[in-house]
Amino acid sequence: MRPTHEPTMHLALTLALCLAQDPAVTDDPIEVHAHTNALIGETSPYLLQHAHNPVDWMPWGPEALELAKSTDRPIFLSIGYSACHWCHVMEKESFEDERIAALMNEHFVCIKVDREERPDLDELYMGAVQAMTGSGGWPMSVFLTPALEPFYGGTYFPPTARFGRPGFDDVLTTMNRYWNEERDTLLGQATKLVEHLELAARGEGTATLAPDILERSLADLRERYDPTWGGFGAAPKFPHTADLLLTLRHWKRTGDPADLAMATTTLDRMAEGGIFDQLAGGFSRYSTDEKWLIPHFEKMLYDNGLLAGVYLEAYQATGKAAYARVVRGTLDWTLREMSTPGGGFASSLDADSEGEEGRFYVWDHEDLEAVLGEELGAMAADYFGVTEEGTFEDGKSALWRNEPAADVAKEWGVEVEELERQMESARMRLLAARELRERPGKDDKVLASWNVVRRTTCWSTCARRTDACSRPRAVDAPT
């Protein structure tokens, strides 16, 4: 009779030999982290990005809130999202700094929230920050009493004072001093702020909708409209989809050409700008300049769903083929880059890769020539606005289409049709080369409301039987 333990010994020996012969097992380094906090058990990519900060982050929940009460410490609440560039900056500068982390851990209960998981908390405390500072954004940084009443807040704080902003180390020290020495002042301020927010939330409840509301809204848009570059207001410029739809529909109702011009100039400039990915399609979140040239490179699913809908209505209004191409390009981008294996579409793409904002998207002359050769690379540089000095950072340029194709064709002595044929080939080759770069991170959360926005636009495109739906793959999305 064989020993009863032989199969066990044989299995162990086999596993040992396999492990010894498998370089994928033996050579891969084991990542060791100096710090791990309570976020390690979360599923949000944004929260997991902070799981190895030296800050004792906790997720929003009963445990963290009870800790603030039992230790009589104020809460530092940080709200952001995974694609947010300045969230990454503040993490690197402050939340990974041992000295600043020690201040946070000693004096505050530190809570991290993904705004896409908890839009209710984001809306509530963003209202407080806007009331205190007159503006808002992310990362959102709010100090709360253990009763969850806000008493101080802001957005990005540098680690030490600069950019006209107080240093985060000074903010922490000051808030701790006030909490311990002048708490009544803070509590009084928090009470007044909460009363203000409650009053604003209630409203008067007596307003009625009337046509003059639209007229007043249009008058405000006309006052803020940039007739040269499109858009409303100064930089940074956001693609205000609701405003654009208002101008298009008011033109449809009244026939006022000024309304149509506000919409089409803005849509043309955005489609030609760096805010629109000239290689792969899809829009970044906003432009840092008035020309739509240099975007804040993160891409959000909801922005692209809404913008595809605006370009669809503009195409129906004008018949302009370029708008149909933008719709197809944007919906195709969501299919190609945002589809998830489990169904639905991911939330966003990060602005950063390799630790730098925009690195994945920008080019210089050498980059173009390496992919396209000297002559075609030079032609592509003229076509896509890549300059010797660069339009972005470190001599790199964001691709855009500021110079009309007819002018570029004339400079190169070719017909416009030939130029466009060569540039379409160049676009495909550049896109293939770009795919070899380290890609920005993807937040693969599937949010129902954002998916509805994208799918609604897609269904509308086909239901209206437009040329923007000439390819069935635009609606062949995961379910």
Protein backbone atom coordinates (compact mmCIF):
# COMPACT_ATOMS: atom_id res chain seq x y z
CA MET A 1 0.00 0.00 0.00
CA ARG A 2 1.30 3.44 -0.93
CA PRO A 3 1.68 6.00 1.85
CA THR A 4 -1.43 8.09 2.11
CA HIS A 5 0.62 11.30 2.04
CA GLU A 6 2.28 10.63 -1.35
CA PRO A 7 -0.27 12.52 -3.50
CA THR A 8 0.15 15.52 -1.26
CA MET A 9 3.94 15.35 -1.55
CA HIS A 10 3.72 14.90 -5.32
CA LEU A 11 1.42 17.91 -5.68
CA ALA A 12 3.69 20.05 -3.55
CA LEU A 13 6.74 19.06 -5.62
CA THR A 14 4.90 19.75 -8.87
CA LEU A 15 3.83 23.20 -7.68
CA ALA A 16 7.36 23.98 -6.52
CA LEU A 17 8.81 23.02 -9.91
CA CYS A 18 6.20 25.09 -11.74
CA LEU A 19 6.91 28.09 -9.57
CA ALA A 20 10.63 27.70 -10.06
CA GLN A 21 10.29 27.48 -13.85
CA ASP A 22 7.70 30.27 -14.29
CA PRO A 23 9.48 33.61 -14.71
CA ALA A 24 6.17 35.43 -14.45
CA VAL A 25 5.89 34.16 -10.90
CA THR A 26 9.49 34.35 -9.74
CA ASP A 27 10.60 37.59 -11.40
CA ASP A 28 7.67 39.90 -10.72
CA PRO A 29 8.51 42.16 -7.77
CA ILE A 30 6.13 42.16 -4.84
CA GLU A 31 4.94 45.73 -4.31
CA VAL A 32 5.46 46.78 -0.72
CA HIS A 33 3.82 49.92 0.63
CA ALA A 34 4.98 51.86 3.65
CA HIS A 35 1.42 52.86 4.47
CA THR A 36 -2.02 51.34 4.04
CA ASN A 37 -5.18 52.98 5.33
CA ALA A 38 -8.87 52.12 5.55
CA LEU A 39 -9.51 52.96 1.88
CA ILE A 40 -7.86 49.70 0.84
CA GLY A 41 -11.20 47.91 1.19
CA GLU A 42 -13.05 50.27 -1.17
CA THR A 43 -13.90 49.64 -4.84
CA SER A 44 -13.72 53.21 -6.13
CA PRO A 45 -10.57 53.76 -8.24
CA TYR A 46 -10.31 57.26 -6.78
CA LEU A 47 -10.37 56.05 -3.18
CA LEU A 48 -7.94 53.25 -3.97
CA GLN A 49 -5.51 55.82 -5.38
CA HIS A 50 -5.24 57.17 -1.84
CA ALA A 51 -5.12 53.84 0.00
CA HIS A 52 -1.35 54.03 0.51
CA ASN A 53 -1.07 57.67 1.54
CA PRO A 54 0.43 58.24 4.99
CA VAL A 55 -2.85 60.02 5.80
CA ASP A 56 -5.21 57.88 7.89
CA TRP A 57 -8.01 58.24 5.37
CA MET A 58 -11.37 56.69 6.12
CA PRO A 59 -14.36 56.32 3.80
CA TRP A 60 -17.52 58.24 4.63
CA GLY A 61 -19.57 56.10 6.98
CA PRO A 62 -20.64 55.45 10.58
CA GLU A 63 -17.16 54.46 11.76
CA ALA A 64 -15.50 57.70 10.66
CA LEU A 65 -18.34 59.91 11.85
CA GLU A 66 -18.47 58.24 15.24
CA LEU A 67 -14.68 58.59 15.59
CA ALA A 68 -14.98 62.37 15.12
CA LYS A 69 -17.60 62.54 17.88
CA SER A 70 -15.82 60.26 20.34
CA THR A 71 -12.44 62.01 19.94
CA ASP A 72 -13.93 65.52 19.67
CA ARG A 73 -11.94 66.22 16.53
CA PRO A 74 -13.10 68.13 13.46
CA ILE A 75 -13.38 66.34 10.14
CA PHE A 76 -11.26 67.14 7.13
CA LEU A 77 -13.38 66.10 4.14
CA SER A 78 -11.68 65.76 0.75
CA ILE A 79 -13.92 65.14 -2.27
CA GLY A 80 -12.65 64.47 -5.79
CA TYR A 81 -12.64 61.96 -8.62
CA SER A 82 -10.07 59.76 -10.30
CA ALA A 83 -9.64 61.77 -13.53
CA CYS A 84 -9.08 65.07 -11.70
CA HIS A 85 -5.61 66.50 -12.41
CA TRP A 86 -5.50 68.88 -9.44
CA CYS A 87 -6.65 66.06 -7.17
CA HIS A 88 -3.50 64.22 -8.20
CA VAL A 89 -1.40 67.33 -7.64
CA MET A 90 -2.70 67.86 -4.12
CA GLU A 91 -2.20 64.18 -3.33
CA LYS A 92 1.41 64.25 -4.48
CA GLU A 93 2.24 67.54 -2.81
CA SER A 94 0.36 67.20 0.47
CA PHE A 95 -1.25 63.81 1.09
CA GLU A 96 1.98 61.93 0.34
CA ASP A 97 4.02 64.33 2.50
CA GLU A 98 4.84 62.71 5.85
CA ARG A 99 4.95 66.03 7.72
CA ILE A 100 1.58 67.23 6.44
CA ALA A 101 0.06 63.77 6.92
CA ALA A 102 1.18 63.82 10.56
CA LEU A 103 -0.66 67.12 11.09
CA MET A 104 -3.79 65.72 9.49
CA ASN A 105 -3.70 62.47 11.48
CA GLU A 106 -3.07 64.14 14.83
CA HIS A 107 -5.71 66.83 14.69
CA PHE A 108 -8.45 65.69 12.28
CA VAL A 109 -10.54 62.71 11.24
CA CYS A 110 -9.71 62.54 7.54
CA ILE A 111 -12.42 61.34 5.17
CA LYS A 112 -12.13 60.74 1.42
CA VAL A 113 -15.18 60.76 -0.87
CA ASP A 114 -15.50 59.96 -4.57
CA ARG A 115 -17.92 62.59 -5.88
CA GLU A 116 -19.17 60.16 -8.51
CA GLU A 117 -20.19 57.66 -5.82
CA ARG A 118 -21.71 60.28 -3.51
CA PRO A 119 -23.05 63.15 -5.63
CA ASP A 120 -25.34 64.05 -2.72
CA LEU A 121 -22.40 64.86 -0.43
CA ASP A 122 -20.60 66.60 -3.28
CA GLU A 123 -23.58 68.87 -3.98
CA LEU A 124 -24.17 69.63 -0.32
CA TYR A 125 -20.62 70.62 0.57
CA MET A 126 -19.89 72.25 -2.79
CA GLY A 127 -22.73 74.63 -1.96
CA ALA A 128 -20.97 75.42 1.30
CA VAL A 129 -17.60 76.03 -0.39
CA GLN A 130 -19.21 78.27 -3.00
CA ALA A 131 -21.00 80.22 -0.30
CA MET A 132 -17.74 80.71 1.61
CA THR A 133 -15.41 81.45 -1.31
CA GLY A 134 -17.54 82.47 -4.29
CA SER A 135 -16.23 79.59 -6.41
CA GLY A 136 -15.83 75.83 -6.35
CA GLY A 137 -14.09 72.89 -7.96
CA TRP A 138 -12.11 69.79 -7.21
CA PRO A 139 -10.40 68.68 -5.15
CA MET A 140 -12.92 70.04 -2.67
CA SER A 141 -11.45 70.57 0.79
CA VAL A 142 -13.91 71.16 3.64
CA PHE A 143 -13.53 71.27 7.41
CA LEU A 144 -16.58 70.06 9.38
CA THR A 145 -17.63 69.87 12.98
CA PRO A 146 -18.34 66.35 14.30
CA ALA A 147 -21.99 67.28 13.71
CA LEU A 148 -21.07 67.58 9.98
CA GLU A 149 -21.52 71.36 9.82
CA PRO A 150 -18.95 73.06 7.52
CA PHE A 151 -16.94 75.94 8.94
CA TYR A 152 -14.11 76.42 6.42
CA GLY A 153 -13.39 75.21 2.92
CA GLY A 154 -11.76 75.66 -0.44
CA THR A 155 -10.52 73.61 -3.35
CA TYR A 156 -6.85 72.98 -4.13
CA PHE A 157 -4.36 74.13 -1.52
CA PRO A 158 -0.62 74.04 -2.28
CA PRO A 159 1.52 72.50 0.46
CA THR A 160 2.97 75.92 1.31
CA ALA A 161 1.67 79.38 0.41
CA ARG A 162 1.88 80.23 -3.31
CA PHE A 163 -0.34 81.20 -6.26
CA GLY A 164 -2.04 83.63 -3.87
CA ARG A 165 -3.38 80.64 -1.93
CA PRO A 166 -2.61 79.78 1.70
CA GLY A 167 -0.42 76.74 2.26
CA PHE A 168 -2.23 73.60 3.33
CA ASP A 169 0.12 73.21 6.29
CA ASP A 170 -0.87 76.68 7.48
CA VAL A 171 -4.55 75.93 6.93
CA LEU A 172 -4.33 72.78 9.03
CA THR A 173 -2.46 74.58 11.82
CA THR A 174 -4.91 77.49 11.84
CA MET A 175 -8.00 75.29 11.81
CA ASN A 176 -6.62 73.23 14.69
CA ARG A 177 -5.83 76.39 16.69
CA TYR A 178 -9.29 77.83 16.13
CA TRP A 179 -10.93 74.53 17.06
CA ASN A 180 -9.07 74.40 20.37
CA GLU A 181 -8.90 78.09 21.25
CA GLU A 182 -11.80 79.83 19.47
CA ARG A 183 -14.30 77.05 18.96
CA ASP A 184 -17.32 79.21 19.66
CA THR A 185 -16.37 81.43 16.74
CA LEU A 186 -16.16 78.42 14.40
CA LEU A 187 -19.41 76.94 15.65
CA GLY A 188 -21.17 80.28 15.20
CA GLN A 189 -19.83 80.54 11.66
CA ALA A 190 -20.92 76.98 10.91
CA THR A 191 -24.44 77.65 12.23
CA LYS A 192 -24.84 80.76 10.08
CA LEU A 193 -23.56 78.90 7.00
CA VAL A 194 -25.97 76.01 7.53
CA GLU A 195 -28.87 78.45 7.96
CA HIS A 196 -27.88 80.19 4.72
CA LEU A 197 -27.75 76.89 2.83
CA GLU A 198 -31.09 75.77 4.21
CA LEU A 199 -32.70 79.06 3.21
CA ALA A 200 -31.24 78.83 -0.28
CA ALA A 201 -32.44 75.24 -0.63
CA ARG A 202 -36.01 76.16 0.36
CA GLY A 203 -36.31 79.15 -1.94
CA GLU A 204 -39.44 81.23 -2.13
CA GLY A 205 -41.46 78.71 -4.12
CA THR A 206 -43.49 81.42 -5.87
CA ALA A 207 -41.62 81.82 -9.17
CA THR A 208 -43.45 80.90 -12.38
CA LEU A 209 -41.97 79.91 -15.72
CA ALA A 210 -42.65 82.49 -18.40
CA PRO A 211 -41.23 83.26 -21.86
CA ASP A 212 -39.38 86.30 -20.56
CA ILE A 213 -37.12 83.96 -18.55
CA LEU A 214 -35.73 82.64 -21.83
CA GLU A 215 -35.30 86.15 -23.17
CA ARG A 216 -33.37 87.21 -20.08
CA SER A 217 -31.22 84.11 -20.34
CA LEU A 218 -30.46 84.82 -24.00
CA ALA A 219 -29.63 88.43 -23.19
CA ASP A 220 -27.13 87.25 -20.58
CA LEU A 221 -25.55 84.79 -23.04
CA ARG A 222 -25.26 87.48 -25.73
CA GLU A 223 -23.47 89.73 -23.26
CA ARG A 224 -20.94 87.04 -22.34
CA TYR A 225 -20.53 85.58 -25.85
CA ASP A 226 -17.06 85.61 -27.44
CA PRO A 227 -17.67 86.33 -31.15
CA THR A 228 -14.08 85.47 -32.12
CA TRP A 229 -13.55 82.11 -30.45
CA GLY A 230 -17.07 81.21 -29.39
CA GLY A 231 -18.14 80.18 -25.94
CA PHE A 232 -19.39 82.30 -23.08
CA GLY A 233 -17.18 84.21 -20.71
CA ALA A 234 -13.42 84.25 -20.30
CA ALA A 235 -10.99 81.37 -19.85
CA PRO A 236 -11.18 78.73 -18.59
CA LYS A 237 -13.95 77.88 -21.04
CA PHE A 238 -16.39 75.06 -20.53
CA PRO A 239 -18.60 73.66 -23.31
CA HIS A 240 -21.91 74.73 -21.78
CA THR A 241 -24.19 72.29 -23.55
CA ALA A 242 -27.42 73.65 -22.07
CA ASP A 243 -26.56 77.18 -23.23
CA LEU A 244 -25.80 75.94 -26.73
CA LEU A 245 -29.07 74.02 -26.91
CA LEU A 246 -30.91 77.13 -25.73
CA THR A 247 -29.41 79.23 -28.53
CA LEU A 248 -30.17 76.58 -31.17
CA ARG A 249 -33.76 76.12 -30.08
CA HIS A 250 -34.39 79.85 -29.70
CA TRP A 251 -33.11 80.31 -33.27
CA LYS A 252 -35.48 77.54 -34.42
CA ARG A 253 -38.37 79.32 -32.70
CA THR A 254 -37.57 82.89 -33.75
CA GLY A 255 -35.26 82.64 -36.77
CA ASP A 256 -32.83 85.11 -35.18
CA PRO A 257 -29.50 84.54 -37.02
CA ALA A 258 -27.52 85.89 -34.06
CA ASP A 259 -28.65 82.94 -31.96
CA LEU A 260 -27.56 80.45 -34.61
CA ALA A 261 -24.21 82.21 -34.97
CA MET A 262 -23.52 81.92 -31.23
CA ALA A 263 -24.06 78.17 -31.42
CA THR A 264 -22.26 77.42 -34.69
CA THR A 265 -19.21 79.59 -34.00
CA THR A 266 -18.78 77.90 -30.63
CA LEU A 267 -19.28 74.41 -32.04
CA ASP A 268 -16.91 75.08 -34.94
CA ARG A 269 -14.17 76.40 -32.68
CA MET A 270 -14.50 73.51 -30.25
CA ALA A 271 -14.42 70.89 -33.01
CA GLU A 272 -11.31 72.51 -34.46
CA GLY A 273 -9.67 73.01 -31.08
CA GLY A 274 -7.44 70.96 -28.86
CA ILE A 275 -10.40 70.32 -26.57
CA PHE A 276 -11.55 67.83 -29.24
CA ASP A 277 -9.22 64.86 -29.68
CA GLN A 278 -8.20 65.32 -33.32
CA LEU A 279 -6.96 61.74 -33.60
CA ALA A 280 -9.42 59.58 -31.66
CA GLY A 281 -12.49 61.76 -31.16
CA GLY A 282 -14.08 62.74 -27.87
CA PHE A 283 -13.91 65.97 -25.88
CA SER A 284 -11.84 66.90 -22.88
CA ARG A 285 -13.62 68.51 -19.96
CA TYR A 286 -12.73 72.17 -20.61
CA SER A 287 -10.22 74.53 -22.20
CA THR A 288 -7.68 76.41 -20.13
CA ASP A 289 -7.55 79.25 -22.70
CA GLU A 290 -10.03 81.31 -24.70
CA LYS A 291 -9.14 79.57 -28.01
CA TRP A 292 -10.15 76.02 -27.00
CA LEU A 293 -6.52 75.09 -27.72
CA ILE A 294 -5.10 73.62 -24.51
CA PRO A 295 -7.62 71.42 -22.71
CA HIS A 296 -7.71 70.11 -19.20
CA PHE A 297 -7.08 66.69 -20.70
CA GLU A 298 -9.43 64.53 -18.65
CA LYS A 299 -12.34 63.05 -20.61
CA MET A 300 -15.72 62.49 -18.97
CA LEU A 301 -18.45 60.20 -20.29
CA TYR A 302 -21.27 62.62 -19.47
CA ASP A 303 -19.58 65.55 -21.25
CA ASN A 304 -19.23 63.51 -24.40
CA GLY A 305 -22.78 62.20 -24.27
CA LEU A 306 -24.15 65.72 -23.90
CA LEU A 307 -21.89 67.26 -26.54
CA ALA A 308 -22.72 64.57 -29.10
CA GLY A 309 -26.37 65.51 -28.58
CA VAL A 310 -25.65 69.21 -29.17
CA TYR A 311 -23.72 68.52 -32.38
CA LEU A 312 -26.56 66.26 -33.52
CA GLU A 313 -29.08 69.10 -33.14
CA ALA A 314 -26.68 71.50 -34.85
CA TYR A 315 -26.35 69.08 -37.75
CA GLN A 316 -30.10 68.88 -38.07
CA ALA A 317 -30.33 72.66 -37.99
CA THR A 318 -27.58 73.37 -40.52
CA GLY A 319 -26.91 70.17 -42.49
CA LYS A 320 -23.18 70.77 -41.90
CA ALA A 321 -21.35 67.49 -42.50
CA ALA A 322 -18.59 68.39 -40.04
CA TYR A 323 -21.09 68.22 -37.19
CA ALA A 324 -22.16 64.70 -38.20
CA ARG A 325 -18.49 63.67 -38.20
CA VAL A 326 -18.10 64.99 -34.65
CA VAL A 327 -21.15 63.00 -33.52
CA ARG A 328 -19.82 59.81 -35.09
CA GLY A 329 -16.31 60.41 -33.81
CA THR A 330 -17.49 61.05 -30.27
CA LEU A 331 -19.82 58.04 -30.09
CA ASP A 332 -17.19 55.82 -31.71
CA TRP A 333 -14.66 56.99 -29.11
CA THR A 334 -16.99 55.97 -26.28
CA LEU A 335 -17.40 52.54 -27.84
CA ARG A 336 -13.71 52.04 -28.48
CA GLU A 337 -12.24 53.39 -25.28
CA MET A 338 -14.98 53.52 -22.65
CA SER A 339 -16.78 50.18 -23.06
CA THR A 340 -16.40 47.88 -20.07
CA PRO A 341 -16.28 44.06 -20.14
CA GLY A 342 -19.23 43.80 -17.81
CA GLY A 343 -21.41 46.09 -19.93
CA GLY A 344 -22.00 49.81 -19.98
CA PHE A 345 -19.48 52.60 -20.26
CA ALA A 346 -16.73 53.70 -17.88
CA SER A 347 -16.88 57.09 -16.20
CA SER A 348 -13.73 58.91 -17.25
CA LEU A 349 -10.16 58.95 -18.52
CA ASP A 350 -7.46 60.63 -16.47
CA ALA A 351 -5.70 63.81 -17.58
CA ASP A 352 -2.32 62.41 -16.53
CA SER A 353 -0.05 59.61 -17.66
CA GLU A 354 3.53 58.94 -16.58
CA GLY A 355 2.94 61.54 -13.90
CA GLU A 356 2.37 64.40 -16.36
CA GLU A 357 -0.80 66.12 -17.49
CA GLY A 358 -1.52 65.70 -21.20
CA ARG A 359 1.58 63.62 -21.96
CA PHE A 360 -0.45 61.01 -23.83
CA TYR A 361 -1.95 63.58 -26.21
CA VAL A 362 0.77 66.10 -27.15
CA TRP A 363 3.37 66.10 -29.97
CA ASP A 364 6.38 67.94 -31.32
CA HIS A 365 8.00 67.98 -34.78
CA GLU A 366 10.33 65.11 -33.93
CA ASP A 367 7.42 62.98 -32.79
CA LEU A 368 5.55 63.58 -36.05
CA GLU A 369 8.59 62.92 -38.25
CA ALA A 370 9.38 59.70 -36.36
CA VAL A 371 5.96 58.34 -37.30
CA LEU A 372 5.29 59.97 -40.68
CA GLY A 373 8.66 60.80 -42.16
CA GLU A 374 10.09 64.24 -42.80
CA GLU A 375 7.78 65.58 -45.53
CA LEU A 376 4.46 64.17 -44.33
CA GLY A 377 5.45 65.01 -40.76
CA ALA A 378 6.03 68.64 -41.73
CA MET A 379 2.69 68.75 -43.55
CA ALA A 380 0.93 67.27 -40.53
CA ALA A 381 2.61 69.85 -38.30
CA ASP A 382 1.09 72.65 -40.40
CA TYR A 383 -2.29 70.91 -40.58
CA PHE A 384 -2.51 70.21 -36.83
CA GLY A 385 -0.87 73.39 -35.58
CA VAL A 386 2.30 71.82 -34.13
CA THR A 387 4.80 74.66 -33.73
CA GLU A 388 8.56 74.69 -33.18
CA GLU A 389 8.21 76.37 -29.79
CA GLY A 390 5.17 74.30 -28.81
CA THR A 391 1.73 75.40 -27.66
CA PHE A 392 1.76 73.39 -24.44
CA GLU A 393 4.69 72.53 -22.15
CA ASP A 394 8.29 71.47 -22.87
CA GLY A 395 8.01 72.31 -26.57
CA LYS A 396 5.02 70.02 -27.11
CA SER A 397 1.78 71.00 -28.85
CA ALA A 398 -1.83 69.96 -28.54
CA LEU A 399 -3.27 69.10 -31.96
CA TRP A 400 -5.85 71.53 -33.34
CA ARG A 401 -7.17 72.79 -36.67
CA ASN A 402 -6.88 76.56 -36.47
CA GLU A 403 -5.70 77.08 -40.07
CA PRO A 404 -8.26 76.29 -42.80
CA ALA A 405 -7.45 73.24 -44.90
CA ALA A 406 -7.57 75.37 -48.05
CA ASP A 407 -4.77 77.59 -46.73
CA VAL A 408 -2.59 74.62 -45.75
CA ALA A 409 -3.21 73.00 -49.14
CA LYS A 410 -2.18 76.20 -50.91
CA GLU A 411 1.03 76.41 -48.88
CA TRP A 412 1.91 72.86 -49.90
CA GLY A 413 0.80 73.21 -53.50
CA VAL A 414 -1.82 70.45 -53.39
CA GLU A 415 -5.56 70.24 -53.81
CA VAL A 416 -7.68 70.27 -50.66
CA GLU A 417 -8.96 66.77 -51.40
CA GLU A 418 -5.40 65.44 -51.65
CA LEU A 419 -4.40 67.18 -48.43
CA GLU A 420 -7.37 65.67 -46.58
CA ARG A 421 -6.58 62.22 -47.99
CA GLN A 422 -2.99 62.43 -46.78
CA MET A 423 -4.00 63.81 -43.40
CA GLU A 424 -6.53 61.02 -42.87
CA SER A 425 -3.72 58.54 -43.44
CA ALA A 426 -1.47 60.53 -41.10
CA ARG A 427 -4.22 60.61 -38.48
CA MET A 428 -4.51 56.83 -38.47
CA ARG A 429 -0.76 56.35 -38.24
CA LEU A 430 -0.41 58.88 -35.43
CA LEU A 431 -3.27 57.27 -33.54
CA ALA A 432 -1.61 53.86 -33.84
CA ALA A 433 1.66 55.31 -32.58
CA ARG A 434 -0.09 57.04 -29.69
CA GLU A 435 -1.61 53.75 -28.61
CA LEU A 436 1.92 52.55 -27.82
CA ARG A 437 2.31 55.27 -25.18
CA GLU A 438 1.41 54.70 -21.56
CA ARG A 439 -2.31 55.34 -21.41
CA PRO A 440 -4.07 57.59 -18.89
CA GLY A 441 -5.89 55.78 -16.12
CA LYS A 442 -9.53 54.85 -16.58
CA ASP A 443 -12.19 55.06 -13.89
CA ASP A 444 -14.22 51.97 -14.78
CA LYS A 445 -17.22 52.74 -12.58
CA VAL A 446 -20.42 52.30 -14.59
CA LEU A 447 -22.75 55.11 -13.49
CA ALA A 448 -26.36 54.65 -14.58
CA SER A 449 -27.16 58.34 -15.11
CA TRP A 450 -24.06 58.98 -17.23
CA ASN A 451 -24.73 55.88 -19.32
CA VAL A 452 -28.29 57.07 -19.91
CA VAL A 453 -26.96 60.39 -21.25
CA ARG A 454 -24.70 58.62 -23.74
CA ARG A 455 -27.29 56.07 -24.82
CA THR A 456 -30.03 58.67 -25.19
CA THR A 457 -27.88 60.64 -27.63
CA CYS A 458 -27.10 57.48 -29.55
CA TRP A 459 -30.72 56.42 -29.82
CA SER A 460 -31.73 59.95 -30.82
CA THR A 461 -29.14 59.91 -33.57
CA CYS A 462 -30.60 56.82 -35.17
CA ALA A 463 -34.24 57.60 -34.42
CA ARG A 464 -33.88 60.86 -36.33
CA ARG A 465 -32.34 58.96 -39.27
CA THR A 466 -29.43 61.34 -39.72
CA ASP A 467 -26.14 60.80 -41.53
CA ALA A 468 -24.54 60.91 -38.09
CA CYS A 469 -25.84 57.34 -37.70
CA SER A 470 -24.49 55.98 -40.97
CA ARG A 471 -22.45 53.35 -39.13
CA PRO A 472 -24.28 50.77 -37.01
CA ARG A 473 -21.41 50.34 -34.56
CA ALA A 474 -22.33 53.67 -32.98
CA VAL A 475 -25.27 51.95 -31.29
CA ASP A 476 -23.76 48.47 -31.01
CA ALA A 477 -22.88 49.14 -27.39
CA PRO A 478 -22.59 46.76 -24.48
CA THR A 479 -25.72 46.35 -22.40
